[in-house]
Amino acid sequence: MEDAETQTGRWTPFVENIKREAEHAAIMSMEERLRLERLETTRLAEEVARHAAEMTIRQLAEEKEMRLAMPTQPQLEEELEPELQVLQLEESEGATSQSLITE
């Protein structure tokens, strides 16, 4: 019959091999989880960047539309010319009426 020391000596390499394989498997598992987390983080960062770019493009398009929709000074003067003429005519008539009253 073998003594305890002989049995331990025989099993030690086997147990050490199992421990190394378990450590290797654990490390590989952790590395895979880290790789997947990095991929997910990268995907989220790309999504945020794409969303920010889309918002910027929309904002620039809205600003451009607003600038295009705003009339220029000559356009404003042209659009307001009939109203200005009516006001000047009314003012002129009012001044004429006022001068007749004072006479």
Protein backbone atom coordinates (compact mmCIF):
# COMPACT_ATOMS: atom_id res chain seq x y z
CA MET A 1 0.00 0.00 0.00
CA GLU A 2 1.17 3.52 -0.83
CA ASP A 3 1.74 6.05 1.84
CA ALA A 4 0.07 9.50 1.80
CA GLU A 5 3.21 11.25 0.61
CA THR A 6 3.53 9.00 -2.44
CA GLN A 7 -0.17 9.48 -3.29
CA THR A 8 0.15 13.27 -2.91
CA GLY A 9 3.26 13.28 -5.10
CA ARG A 10 1.45 11.35 -7.78
CA TRP A 11 -1.67 13.57 -7.74
CA THR A 12 0.12 16.93 -7.45
CA PRO A 13 1.04 17.26 -11.17
CA PHE A 14 -2.48 16.23 -12.15
CA VAL A 15 -4.06 18.79 -9.78
CA GLU A 16 -1.62 21.49 -10.89
CA ASN A 17 -2.51 20.81 -14.53
CA ILE A 18 -6.23 21.10 -13.73
CA LYS A 19 -5.58 24.42 -11.91
CA ARG A 20 -3.61 25.80 -14.89
CA GLU A 21 -6.36 24.79 -17.31
CA ALA A 22 -9.01 26.36 -15.07
CA GLU A 23 -7.00 29.59 -14.79
CA HIS A 24 -6.49 29.64 -18.54
CA ALA A 25 -10.23 29.08 -19.14
CA ALA A 26 -11.11 31.84 -16.65
CA ILE A 27 -8.66 34.26 -18.30
CA MET A 28 -10.00 33.43 -21.76
CA SER A 29 -13.56 33.96 -20.52
CA MET A 30 -12.68 37.35 -18.98
CA GLU A 31 -10.84 38.42 -22.15
CA GLU A 32 -13.87 37.50 -24.25
CA ARG A 33 -16.19 39.48 -21.97
CA LEU A 34 -13.85 42.48 -22.16
CA ARG A 35 -13.73 42.19 -25.95
CA LEU A 36 -17.54 42.13 -26.13
CA GLU A 37 -17.80 45.10 -23.76
CA ARG A 38 -15.33 47.06 -25.91
CA LEU A 39 -17.37 46.23 -29.01
CA GLU A 40 -20.58 47.36 -27.31
CA THR A 41 -18.92 50.56 -26.08
CA THR A 42 -17.62 51.27 -29.58
CA ARG A 43 -21.08 50.64 -31.07
CA LEU A 44 -22.67 53.00 -28.54
CA ALA A 45 -20.05 55.68 -29.21
CA GLU A 46 -20.68 55.39 -32.95
CA GLU A 47 -24.42 55.66 -32.38
CA VAL A 48 -24.00 58.78 -30.22
CA ALA A 49 -21.67 60.34 -32.79
CA ARG A 50 -24.11 59.56 -35.62
CA HIS A 51 -27.00 61.05 -33.63
CA ALA A 52 -24.97 64.20 -32.89
CA ALA A 53 -24.06 64.53 -36.56
CA GLU A 54 -27.71 64.14 -37.61
CA MET A 55 -28.80 66.79 -35.10
CA THR A 56 -26.10 69.17 -36.33
CA ILE A 57 -27.13 68.65 -39.95
CA ARG A 58 -30.80 69.27 -39.08
CA GLN A 59 -29.91 72.41 -37.15
CA LEU A 60 -27.78 73.74 -40.02
CA ALA A 61 -30.56 72.97 -42.50
CA GLU A 62 -33.10 74.81 -40.33
CA GLU A 63 -30.79 77.81 -40.02
CA LYS A 64 -30.27 77.84 -43.78
CA GLU A 65 -34.03 77.65 -44.37
CA MET A 66 -34.55 80.54 -41.97
CA ARG A 67 -31.92 82.63 -43.76
CA LEU A 68 -33.49 81.83 -47.13
CA ALA A 69 -36.97 82.61 -45.83
CA MET A 70 -35.92 85.97 -44.38
CA PRO A 71 -36.46 88.74 -46.94
CA THR A 72 -33.56 90.98 -47.83
CA GLN A 73 -33.76 94.75 -47.33
CA PRO A 74 -34.65 95.46 -51.01
CA GLN A 75 -37.31 92.75 -50.90
CA LEU A 76 -38.77 94.29 -47.73
CA GLU A 77 -38.82 97.74 -49.28
CA GLU A 78 -40.45 96.34 -52.40
CA GLU A 79 -43.11 94.51 -50.39
CA LEU A 80 -43.81 97.51 -48.18
CA GLU A 81 -43.82 100.11 -50.98
CA PRO A 82 -47.61 99.99 -51.57
CA GLU A 83 -48.30 100.35 -47.86
CA LEU A 84 -45.81 103.17 -47.60
CA GLN A 85 -47.48 104.98 -50.50
CA VAL A 86 -50.90 104.62 -48.83
CA LEU A 87 -49.51 106.00 -45.57
CA GLN A 88 -47.85 108.91 -47.37
CA LEU A 89 -51.10 109.65 -49.21
CA GLU A 90 -53.10 109.55 -45.97
CA GLU A 91 -50.51 111.76 -44.31
CA SER A 92 -50.68 114.17 -47.20
CA GLU A 93 -54.48 114.25 -47.10
CA GLY A 94 -54.37 114.71 -43.35
CA ALA A 95 -52.00 117.66 -43.70
CA THR A 96 -54.23 119.18 -46.38
CA SER A 97 -57.30 118.77 -44.17
CA GLN A 98 -55.45 120.27 -41.22
CA SER A 99 -54.37 123.30 -43.23
CA LEU A 100 -57.97 123.83 -44.44
CA ILE A 101 -59.25 123.70 -40.85
CA THR A 102 -56.71 126.21 -39.64
CA GLU A 103 -57.53 128.65 -42.43
